[in-house]
């Protein structure tokens, strides 16, 4: 009798529920092109900016600084999901207009969060990348709605979600016809209280094994401490992430949202220099802006 052999990993991937996100669909991985910035492959991208858009001066000064230091995508929240209804909720459409102003002025693509199906059309008007936050990872109506749009989407892992649940959530977007999806590991909730979340860097190589989608790491939310961010950022590059999402504020002590985990402009510049050196050691190409000073 002829002996039948079976590659368990291959069988699992091809027979899994990841019909569109599974690595077997694109063994070489997906590379997204966002206004000329490529996400995936050998490149390593930097998305940086304030947690929340607070004012024109605050956003434009931060955008100018991170752009000069090499960041190729500007992050900034116009809609802010907060645990307390009394905390700053964001400038909403006025914040989106400021992000568009920064994009035009500095020629840098913008990523911002969308929280509700009713906001999708508005956010698409101003943003280059739609972010689905951890609290909305399994907001299935929202996932279906962004699946209908033709803007790149960053899907953040829920704070209590398994990787299986994250990938199945991505299937909702992909199944809607939007193939421009990237995943984001931003730390998960655990019993540890020394830091904000447990930064699950195990997730990066596992996701790279399971899916062809690019994987971004957010060490700002993953730690909650600015001093820890550079350490986890470098570790993320070393384990195979395709880029970072970093919170940077010109004056973190005065930030209306997440000041303790935000890097100063100077700290961000130092991190970019360290990442450039590390990228050569781990075989990655740190993509920086043409006007970068590093």
Protein backbone atom coordinates (compact mmCIF):
# COMPACT_ATOMS: atom_id res chain seq x y z
CA UNK A 1 0.00 0.00 0.00
CA UNK A 2 1.31 3.42 -0.91
CA UNK A 3 2.22 5.46 2.15
CA UNK A 4 0.29 8.73 2.45
CA UNK A 5 2.16 11.70 3.89
CA UNK A 6 0.62 14.92 5.08
CA UNK A 7 2.15 18.25 6.01
CA UNK A 8 0.14 19.14 9.10
CA UNK A 9 0.86 22.88 8.93
CA UNK A 10 -0.09 23.04 5.26
CA UNK A 11 -3.23 21.01 5.81
CA UNK A 12 -4.28 23.21 8.72
CA UNK A 13 -3.78 26.43 6.79
CA UNK A 14 -5.55 25.29 3.65
CA UNK A 15 -8.52 23.80 5.48
CA UNK A 16 -8.93 26.55 8.05
CA UNK A 17 -11.57 29.27 8.25
CA UNK A 18 -9.09 31.84 6.95
CA UNK A 19 -10.38 31.56 3.42
CA UNK A 20 -9.03 34.92 2.31
CA UNK A 21 -6.53 35.87 5.03
CA UNK A 22 -4.70 32.52 5.05
CA UNK A 23 -1.04 32.47 4.05
CA UNK A 24 -1.78 29.77 1.45
CA UNK A 25 -3.54 32.40 -0.69
CA UNK A 26 -0.40 34.52 -1.09
CA UNK A 27 2.69 32.64 0.13
CA UNK A 28 4.93 35.65 -0.57
CA UNK A 29 2.76 37.96 1.53
CA UNK A 30 0.72 41.03 0.68
CA UNK A 31 2.33 44.42 0.13
CA UNK A 32 -0.01 47.39 0.43
CA UNK A 33 0.67 50.65 -1.36
CA UNK A 34 -0.62 53.68 0.54
CA UNK A 35 0.07 56.84 -1.46
CA UNK A 36 3.46 55.47 -2.44
CA UNK A 37 4.32 54.02 0.99
CA UNK A 38 4.66 50.24 0.76
CA UNK A 39 3.60 48.19 3.78
CA UNK A 40 4.82 44.60 3.82
CA UNK A 41 7.68 42.73 2.19
CA UNK A 42 11.20 43.67 3.30
CA UNK A 43 10.22 47.24 4.10
CA UNK A 44 9.52 48.52 7.60
CA UNK A 45 7.22 51.53 7.98
CA UNK A 46 6.79 54.04 10.77
CA UNK A 47 3.40 55.52 11.64
CA UNK A 48 3.73 58.25 14.23
CA UNK A 49 1.85 61.18 15.71
CA UNK A 50 -0.34 62.17 18.64
CA UNK A 51 -2.95 59.90 20.18
CA UNK A 52 -5.52 62.65 19.71
CA UNK A 53 -5.76 65.69 17.48
CA UNK A 54 -6.04 68.53 19.99
CA UNK A 55 -5.44 71.72 18.00
CA UNK A 56 -4.04 72.97 14.71
CA UNK A 57 -0.77 74.07 16.30
CA UNK A 58 -0.31 70.80 18.18
CA UNK A 59 -0.98 68.59 15.17
CA UNK A 60 0.96 70.54 12.56
CA UNK A 61 4.04 70.97 14.75
CA UNK A 62 4.07 67.25 15.60
CA UNK A 63 3.41 66.24 11.99
CA UNK A 64 6.30 68.39 10.78
CA UNK A 65 8.65 66.95 13.39
CA UNK A 66 7.88 63.25 12.87
CA UNK A 67 7.98 63.74 9.10
CA UNK A 68 11.43 65.31 9.32
CA UNK A 69 12.64 62.43 11.48
CA UNK A 70 11.52 59.84 8.98
CA UNK A 71 7.93 58.81 9.75
CA UNK A 72 6.11 58.08 6.51
CA UNK A 73 2.53 57.93 7.86
CA UNK A 74 0.90 60.36 10.30
CA UNK A 75 -1.37 58.98 13.02
CA UNK A 76 -3.87 61.05 14.95
CA UNK A 77 -7.26 60.40 16.52
CA UNK A 78 -10.24 62.57 15.60
CA UNK A 79 -12.73 60.25 17.30
CA UNK A 80 -11.54 58.91 20.65
CA UNK A 81 -13.12 55.86 22.33
CA UNK A 82 -12.57 56.51 26.05
CA UNK A 83 -13.40 54.43 29.08
CA UNK A 84 -14.99 57.44 30.76
CA UNK A 85 -17.68 59.51 29.00
CA UNK A 86 -16.19 62.56 30.73
CA UNK A 87 -12.78 62.22 29.10
CA UNK A 88 -11.79 64.09 25.92
CA UNK A 89 -13.67 62.47 23.03
CA UNK A 90 -11.82 64.08 20.13
CA UNK A 91 -12.48 66.97 17.74
CA UNK A 92 -14.42 64.72 15.33
CA UNK A 93 -14.76 66.20 11.82
CA UNK A 94 -12.76 69.29 12.79
CA UNK A 95 -9.95 66.90 13.74
CA UNK A 96 -10.25 65.13 10.41
CA UNK A 97 -9.92 68.45 8.60
CA UNK A 98 -6.73 69.19 10.52
CA UNK A 99 -5.32 65.79 9.56
CA UNK A 100 -6.08 66.56 5.93
CA UNK A 101 -4.35 69.91 6.32
CA UNK A 102 -1.25 68.16 7.68
CA UNK A 103 -1.33 65.62 4.87
CA UNK A 104 -1.45 68.33 2.19
CA UNK A 105 1.17 70.51 3.87
CA UNK A 106 3.74 67.78 4.48
CA UNK A 107 2.80 65.21 1.85
CA UNK A 108 2.32 62.45 4.40
CA UNK A 109 -0.52 59.87 4.37
CA UNK A 110 -2.85 59.80 7.37
CA UNK A 111 -4.25 57.00 9.52
CA UNK A 112 -7.13 57.65 11.92
CA UNK A 113 -9.76 55.63 13.75
CA UNK A 114 -13.34 55.09 12.67
CA UNK A 115 -15.70 53.96 15.44
CA UNK A 116 -19.15 53.71 13.89
CA UNK A 117 -20.75 52.73 10.60
CA UNK A 118 -22.17 56.25 10.37
CA UNK A 119 -18.64 57.70 10.38
CA UNK A 120 -17.15 55.56 7.61
CA UNK A 121 -18.05 57.81 4.68
CA UNK A 122 -16.79 60.89 6.51
CA UNK A 123 -13.50 59.34 7.59
CA UNK A 124 -12.89 57.95 4.09
CA UNK A 125 -13.15 61.50 2.79
CA UNK A 126 -10.14 62.64 4.83
CA UNK A 127 -8.00 59.61 5.72
CA UNK A 128 -5.67 57.35 3.74
CA UNK A 129 -5.98 54.43 6.19
CA UNK A 130 -8.96 53.56 8.39
CA UNK A 131 -8.10 52.19 11.82
CA UNK A 132 -10.44 49.79 13.60
CA UNK A 133 -9.62 50.04 17.30
CA UNK A 134 -9.38 47.16 19.73
CA UNK A 135 -12.82 47.86 21.21
CA UNK A 136 -14.37 47.48 17.76
CA UNK A 137 -12.46 44.44 16.53
CA UNK A 138 -15.67 42.39 16.64
CA UNK A 139 -18.06 45.16 15.69
CA UNK A 140 -19.26 43.13 12.75
CA UNK A 141 -21.50 45.78 11.15
CA UNK A 142 -18.51 48.17 11.16
CA UNK A 143 -16.21 45.50 9.70
CA UNK A 144 -18.71 44.83 6.92
CA UNK A 145 -19.01 48.55 6.22
CA UNK A 146 -15.26 49.13 5.85
CA UNK A 147 -15.19 45.99 3.74
CA UNK A 148 -17.32 47.89 1.23
CA UNK A 149 -15.01 50.89 1.04
CA UNK A 150 -11.80 50.93 -0.95
CA UNK A 151 -9.47 52.39 1.63
CA UNK A 152 -6.72 50.43 3.40
CA UNK A 153 -7.77 49.24 6.86
CA UNK A 154 -5.71 48.57 9.97
CA UNK A 155 -7.48 46.09 12.22
CA UNK A 156 -6.28 46.17 15.82
CA UNK A 157 -6.38 43.07 17.98
CA UNK A 158 -9.00 43.23 20.73
CA UNK A 159 -7.62 43.44 24.24
CA UNK A 160 -9.11 40.01 25.07
CA UNK A 161 -9.02 38.47 21.60
CA UNK A 162 -7.22 35.37 20.40
CA UNK A 163 -5.34 35.42 17.10
CA UNK A 164 -8.04 33.19 15.65
CA UNK A 165 -10.67 35.79 16.52
CA UNK A 166 -8.50 38.55 15.03
CA UNK A 167 -8.09 36.69 11.75
CA UNK A 168 -11.77 35.81 11.55
CA UNK A 169 -12.57 39.51 12.10
CA UNK A 170 -10.27 40.33 9.17
CA UNK A 171 -12.25 37.88 7.05
CA UNK A 172 -15.32 40.12 7.41
CA UNK A 173 -13.42 42.99 5.77
CA UNK A 174 -11.79 40.84 3.11
CA UNK A 175 -15.06 39.09 2.33
CA UNK A 176 -16.62 42.48 1.59
CA UNK A 177 -14.17 42.96 -1.25
CA UNK A 178 -11.61 45.18 0.49
CA UNK A 179 -8.28 43.36 0.13
CA UNK A 180 -6.19 46.18 1.60
CA UNK A 181 -6.03 45.00 5.21
CA UNK A 182 -3.23 45.00 7.77
CA UNK A 183 -3.29 43.67 11.32
CA UNK A 184 -2.05 45.37 14.48
CA UNK A 185 -0.81 43.78 17.70
CA UNK A 186 -1.36 46.32 20.50
CA UNK A 187 -1.07 44.25 23.64
CA UNK A 188 -3.63 42.11 25.42
CA UNK A 189 -5.17 42.33 28.87
CA UNK A 190 -3.68 40.00 31.48
CA UNK A 191 -3.35 39.72 35.25
CA UNK A 192 -0.20 41.92 35.21
CA UNK A 193 -0.70 45.50 36.41
CA UNK A 194 2.84 46.90 36.12
CA UNK A 195 2.13 48.05 32.59
CA UNK A 196 -0.98 48.90 30.62
CA UNK A 197 -1.18 45.71 28.56
CA UNK A 198 0.90 42.61 27.91
CA UNK A 199 2.77 43.18 24.65
CA UNK A 200 2.30 39.85 22.88
CA UNK A 201 5.23 39.72 20.49
CA UNK A 202 4.62 35.98 20.07
CA UNK A 203 1.73 37.11 17.90
CA UNK A 204 3.97 38.59 15.22
CA UNK A 205 5.75 35.45 13.94
CA UNK A 206 2.58 33.41 14.46
CA UNK A 207 0.51 35.82 12.37
CA UNK A 208 3.23 35.89 9.71
CA UNK A 209 2.92 32.09 9.60
CA UNK A 210 -0.88 32.06 9.42
CA UNK A 211 -1.66 35.02 7.18
CA UNK A 212 -0.34 36.96 4.20
CA UNK A 213 -1.54 40.27 5.69
CA UNK A 214 1.06 42.80 6.91
CA UNK A 215 1.50 42.97 10.70
CA UNK A 216 2.04 46.25 12.57
CA UNK A 217 2.93 46.59 16.27
CA UNK A 218 1.73 49.35 18.61
CA UNK A 219 4.13 49.44 21.60
CA UNK A 220 2.56 52.64 22.94
CA UNK A 221 -0.71 50.97 23.88
CA UNK A 222 1.11 47.71 24.45
CA UNK A 223 3.05 49.12 27.39
CA UNK A 224 1.47 52.38 28.55
CA UNK A 225 4.94 53.69 29.48
CA UNK A 226 6.94 55.92 27.16
CA UNK A 227 10.27 54.62 28.50
CA UNK A 228 9.33 51.08 27.47
CA UNK A 229 8.28 51.95 23.93
CA UNK A 230 11.76 52.00 22.31
CA UNK A 231 12.62 48.58 23.78
CA UNK A 232 9.44 46.93 22.46
CA UNK A 233 9.69 48.82 19.15
CA UNK A 234 13.12 47.35 18.47
CA UNK A 235 11.95 43.91 19.56
CA UNK A 236 9.00 44.16 17.16
CA UNK A 237 11.33 44.83 14.25
CA UNK A 238 13.53 41.91 15.27
CA UNK A 239 10.67 39.39 15.40
CA UNK A 240 9.39 40.28 11.94
CA UNK A 241 6.80 43.06 12.20
CA UNK A 242 6.19 45.16 9.07
CA UNK A 243 6.05 48.47 10.91
CA UNK A 244 5.21 50.39 14.05
CA UNK A 245 2.42 52.63 15.28
CA UNK A 246 3.96 55.09 17.75
CA UNK A 247 2.39 57.88 19.78
CA UNK A 248 4.42 61.10 19.70
CA UNK A 249 3.48 64.40 21.33
CA UNK A 250 5.31 67.72 21.44
CA UNK A 251 4.49 68.03 25.16
CA UNK A 252 3.29 64.69 26.60
CA UNK A 253 2.66 66.15 30.07
CA UNK A 254 0.00 68.41 28.59
CA UNK A 255 -1.55 65.79 26.30
CA UNK A 256 -5.33 65.40 26.54
CA UNK A 257 -5.02 61.66 25.90
CA UNK A 258 -2.37 59.02 26.71
CA UNK A 259 0.43 61.40 27.62
CA UNK A 260 2.32 58.85 29.77
CA UNK A 261 2.87 56.53 26.81
CA UNK A 262 3.74 59.21 24.25
CA UNK A 263 7.32 59.84 23.15
CA UNK A 264 8.68 63.35 22.92
CA UNK A 265 9.96 64.56 19.55
CA UNK A 266 13.53 64.04 20.75
CA UNK A 267 12.83 60.50 21.97
CA UNK A 268 11.21 59.64 18.66
CA UNK A 269 14.24 60.93 16.76
CA UNK A 270 16.54 58.77 18.88
CA UNK A 271 14.36 55.73 18.29
CA UNK A 272 14.49 56.23 14.53
CA UNK A 273 18.31 56.29 14.63
CA UNK A 274 18.36 53.07 16.66
CA UNK A 275 15.89 51.38 14.33
CA UNK A 276 17.96 52.33 11.31
CA UNK A 277 20.99 50.61 12.83
CA UNK A 278 18.97 47.55 13.87
CA UNK A 279 17.32 47.20 10.47
CA UNK A 280 20.68 46.40 8.87
CA UNK A 281 21.27 43.61 11.39
CA UNK A 282 17.89 41.94 10.87
CA UNK A 283 17.67 42.38 7.11
CA UNK A 284 14.90 44.95 6.98
CA UNK A 285 14.66 48.19 5.04
CA UNK A 286 13.53 51.04 7.31
CA UNK A 287 11.49 53.21 4.96
CA UNK A 288 11.91 56.90 5.77
CA UNK A 289 10.76 60.09 4.12
CA UNK A 290 12.97 61.71 1.49
CA UNK A 291 13.40 64.74 3.76
CA UNK A 292 14.43 62.62 6.75
CA UNK A 293 17.41 63.83 8.73
CA UNK A 294 18.46 60.31 9.82
